[in-house]
């Protein structure tokens, strides 16, 4: 199962946005985003929502509870 860290990094790279540019767009610092992507820290609910809105995905997708097609994961 993909973790939040993996999915966030994947989405950010697909959009071609470096951490230093992405972080302020959602109201956080680059170091904070880095800790999320490395799995060193977990984001708050409001941070997850901000990321989901930015990338136009569901929070369930970011959290690894939903697949690309919207179906629920089985893990």
N, C-alpha and C. Protein backbone atom coordinates (compact mmCIF):
# COMPACT_ATOMS: atom_id res chain seq x y z
N UNK A 1 0.84 -1.18 0.00
CA UNK A 1 0.00 0.00 0.00
C UNK A 1 0.88 1.24 0.00
N UNK A 2 0.53 2.21 -0.82
CA UNK A 2 1.27 3.46 -0.84
C UNK A 2 0.91 4.30 0.37
N UNK A 3 1.91 4.87 0.98
CA UNK A 3 1.69 5.72 2.13
C UNK A 3 1.45 7.16 1.70
N UNK A 4 1.01 7.99 2.64
CA UNK A 4 0.85 9.41 2.37
C UNK A 4 2.14 9.99 1.82
N UNK A 5 3.26 9.66 2.45
CA UNK A 5 4.56 10.19 2.04
C UNK A 5 4.84 9.86 0.57
N UNK A 6 4.62 8.63 0.19
CA UNK A 6 4.87 8.20 -1.19
C UNK A 6 3.94 8.89 -2.18
N UNK A 7 2.68 8.96 -1.82
CA UNK A 7 1.70 9.56 -2.73
C UNK A 7 1.92 11.06 -2.87
N UNK A 8 2.23 11.73 -1.79
CA UNK A 8 2.48 13.17 -1.86
C UNK A 8 3.67 13.47 -2.76
N UNK A 9 4.74 12.76 -2.54
CA UNK A 9 5.94 12.98 -3.34
C UNK A 9 5.67 12.67 -4.82
N UNK A 10 4.98 11.59 -5.07
CA UNK A 10 4.65 11.20 -6.45
C UNK A 10 3.82 12.29 -7.14
N UNK A 11 2.80 12.79 -6.47
CA UNK A 11 1.96 13.84 -7.05
C UNK A 11 2.74 15.12 -7.30
N UNK A 12 3.58 15.48 -6.35
CA UNK A 12 4.37 16.71 -6.48
C UNK A 12 5.33 16.61 -7.65
N UNK A 13 6.00 15.47 -7.78
CA UNK A 13 6.96 15.27 -8.87
C UNK A 13 6.24 15.24 -10.22
N UNK A 14 5.07 14.58 -10.27
CA UNK A 14 4.28 14.54 -11.51
C UNK A 14 3.93 15.95 -11.99
N UNK A 15 3.68 16.85 -11.05
CA UNK A 15 3.35 18.24 -11.40
C UNK A 15 4.60 19.08 -11.66
N UNK A 16 5.77 18.52 -11.36
CA UNK A 16 7.02 19.23 -11.60
C UNK A 16 7.25 20.39 -10.65
N UNK A 17 6.75 20.26 -9.44
CA UNK A 17 6.87 21.35 -8.45
C UNK A 17 7.87 20.96 -7.37
N UNK A 18 8.94 21.74 -7.20
CA UNK A 18 9.88 21.45 -6.12
C UNK A 18 9.24 21.72 -4.76
N UNK A 19 9.75 21.05 -3.74
CA UNK A 19 9.23 21.24 -2.38
C UNK A 19 9.21 22.71 -1.99
N UNK A 20 10.27 23.44 -2.31
CA UNK A 20 10.38 24.84 -1.88
C UNK A 20 9.31 25.72 -2.50
N UNK A 21 8.76 25.32 -3.64
CA UNK A 21 7.67 26.09 -4.27
C UNK A 21 6.31 25.57 -3.83
N UNK A 22 6.21 24.27 -3.64
CA UNK A 22 4.94 23.66 -3.25
C UNK A 22 4.54 24.06 -1.83
N UNK A 23 5.47 23.99 -0.91
CA UNK A 23 5.16 24.22 0.51
C UNK A 23 4.42 25.52 0.78
N UNK A 24 4.91 26.67 0.31
CA UNK A 24 4.19 27.91 0.60
C UNK A 24 2.82 28.00 -0.09
N UNK A 25 2.64 27.27 -1.17
CA UNK A 25 1.36 27.28 -1.87
C UNK A 25 0.25 26.65 -1.03
N UNK A 26 0.63 25.77 -0.10
CA UNK A 26 -0.36 25.15 0.78
C UNK A 26 -0.24 25.68 2.21
N UNK A 27 0.63 26.66 2.41
CA UNK A 27 0.73 27.31 3.71
C UNK A 27 1.67 26.67 4.71
N UNK A 28 2.67 25.93 4.22
CA UNK A 28 3.63 25.26 5.09
C UNK A 28 5.05 25.55 4.63
N UNK A 29 6.01 25.23 5.48
CA UNK A 29 7.40 25.42 5.13
C UNK A 29 7.96 24.21 4.39
N UNK A 30 9.04 24.45 3.65
CA UNK A 30 9.67 23.38 2.88
C UNK A 30 10.15 22.26 3.78
N UNK A 31 10.70 22.59 4.93
CA UNK A 31 11.19 21.56 5.86
C UNK A 31 10.05 20.67 6.34
N UNK A 32 8.89 21.25 6.56
CA UNK A 32 7.73 20.47 6.99
C UNK A 32 7.32 19.47 5.92
N UNK A 33 7.23 19.95 4.69
CA UNK A 33 6.88 19.06 3.57
C UNK A 33 7.93 17.96 3.43
N UNK A 34 9.18 18.30 3.60
CA UNK A 34 10.25 17.31 3.52
C UNK A 34 10.07 16.21 4.56
N UNK A 35 9.71 16.58 5.78
CA UNK A 35 9.53 15.56 6.83
C UNK A 35 8.33 14.67 6.52
N UNK A 36 7.30 15.23 5.88
CA UNK A 36 6.17 14.39 5.47
C UNK A 36 6.60 13.39 4.42
N UNK A 37 7.32 13.86 3.42
CA UNK A 37 7.72 12.99 2.31
C UNK A 37 8.73 11.93 2.73
N UNK A 38 9.49 12.21 3.77
CA UNK A 38 10.46 11.23 4.28
C UNK A 38 9.83 10.30 5.31
N UNK A 39 8.59 10.58 5.67
CA UNK A 39 7.91 9.76 6.67
C UNK A 39 8.37 10.02 8.09
N UNK A 40 9.06 11.13 8.30
CA UNK A 40 9.56 11.47 9.63
C UNK A 40 8.49 12.11 10.50
N UNK A 41 7.48 12.68 9.86
CA UNK A 41 6.43 13.37 10.57
C UNK A 41 5.13 13.16 9.81
N UNK A 42 4.02 13.16 10.52
CA UNK A 42 2.73 13.01 9.87
C UNK A 42 2.02 14.35 9.84
N UNK A 43 1.37 14.67 8.73
CA UNK A 43 0.68 15.94 8.61
C UNK A 43 -0.61 15.96 9.44
N UNK A 44 -1.05 17.16 9.74
CA UNK A 44 -2.33 17.33 10.43
C UNK A 44 -3.45 17.11 9.42
N UNK A 45 -4.66 16.99 9.92
CA UNK A 45 -5.81 16.83 9.03
C UNK A 45 -5.93 18.02 8.09
N UNK A 46 -5.70 19.22 8.59
CA UNK A 46 -5.81 20.40 7.73
C UNK A 46 -4.74 20.40 6.64
N UNK A 47 -3.56 19.88 6.94
CA UNK A 47 -2.50 19.79 5.94
C UNK A 47 -2.86 18.76 4.86
N UNK A 48 -3.45 17.66 5.27
CA UNK A 48 -3.87 16.63 4.31
C UNK A 48 -4.93 17.20 3.38
N UNK A 49 -5.87 17.95 3.95
CA UNK A 49 -6.92 18.57 3.15
C UNK A 49 -6.31 19.57 2.16
N UNK A 50 -5.36 20.37 2.62
CA UNK A 50 -4.71 21.36 1.75
C UNK A 50 -4.01 20.66 0.58
N UNK A 51 -3.33 19.57 0.86
CA UNK A 51 -2.65 18.81 -0.20
C UNK A 51 -3.66 18.22 -1.18
N UNK A 52 -4.74 17.65 -0.66
CA UNK A 52 -5.76 17.05 -1.51
C UNK A 52 -6.39 18.09 -2.43
N UNK A 53 -6.69 19.26 -1.89
CA UNK A 53 -7.27 20.32 -2.71
C UNK A 53 -6.28 20.79 -3.77
N UNK A 54 -5.03 20.95 -3.39
CA UNK A 54 -4.02 21.42 -4.34
C UNK A 54 -3.89 20.46 -5.52
N UNK A 55 -3.85 19.16 -5.24
CA UNK A 55 -3.65 18.17 -6.29
C UNK A 55 -4.95 17.64 -6.88
N UNK A 56 -6.09 18.13 -6.36
CA UNK A 56 -7.40 17.71 -6.84
C UNK A 56 -7.58 16.20 -6.75
N UNK A 57 -7.25 15.67 -5.58
CA UNK A 57 -7.46 14.25 -5.28
C UNK A 57 -8.22 14.18 -3.95
N UNK A 58 -8.70 12.99 -3.62
CA UNK A 58 -9.39 12.84 -2.35
C UNK A 58 -8.38 12.64 -1.22
N UNK A 59 -8.81 12.95 -0.02
CA UNK A 59 -7.95 12.68 1.14
C UNK A 59 -7.75 11.18 1.29
N UNK A 60 -8.76 10.39 0.97
CA UNK A 60 -8.62 8.94 1.03
C UNK A 60 -7.52 8.46 0.09
N UNK A 61 -7.43 9.06 -1.09
CA UNK A 61 -6.35 8.68 -2.02
C UNK A 61 -4.99 9.00 -1.39
N UNK A 62 -4.85 10.22 -0.87
CA UNK A 62 -3.57 10.60 -0.26
C UNK A 62 -3.19 9.69 0.91
N UNK A 63 -4.18 9.25 1.64
CA UNK A 63 -3.91 8.40 2.81
C UNK A 63 -3.75 6.93 2.46
N UNK A 64 -3.88 6.59 1.18
CA UNK A 64 -3.70 5.21 0.76
C UNK A 64 -4.92 4.34 0.97
N UNK A 65 -6.08 4.96 1.18
CA UNK A 65 -7.31 4.21 1.41
C UNK A 65 -8.11 4.00 0.13
N UNK A 66 -7.67 4.66 -0.93
CA UNK A 66 -8.37 4.63 -2.21
C UNK A 66 -7.35 4.52 -3.34
N UNK A 67 -7.71 3.76 -4.36
CA UNK A 67 -6.85 3.61 -5.54
C UNK A 67 -7.06 4.77 -6.51
N UNK A 68 -6.26 4.79 -7.56
CA UNK A 68 -6.37 5.83 -8.59
C UNK A 68 -7.77 5.92 -9.17
N UNK A 69 -8.45 4.80 -9.31
CA UNK A 69 -9.76 4.76 -9.94
C UNK A 69 -10.90 5.04 -8.96
N UNK A 70 -10.57 5.32 -7.70
CA UNK A 70 -11.59 5.63 -6.70
C UNK A 70 -12.06 4.43 -5.91
N UNK A 71 -11.61 3.23 -6.29
CA UNK A 71 -12.00 2.05 -5.53
C UNK A 71 -11.20 1.99 -4.22
N UNK A 72 -11.81 1.39 -3.22
CA UNK A 72 -11.16 1.26 -1.92
C UNK A 72 -10.02 0.24 -1.99
N UNK A 73 -8.94 0.52 -1.27
CA UNK A 73 -7.83 -0.44 -1.22
C UNK A 73 -8.22 -1.60 -0.33
N UNK A 74 -7.56 -2.70 -0.50
CA UNK A 74 -7.89 -3.91 0.26
C UNK A 74 -6.93 -4.17 1.41
N UNK A 75 -5.92 -3.33 1.56
CA UNK A 75 -4.92 -3.54 2.62
C UNK A 75 -5.42 -3.05 3.95
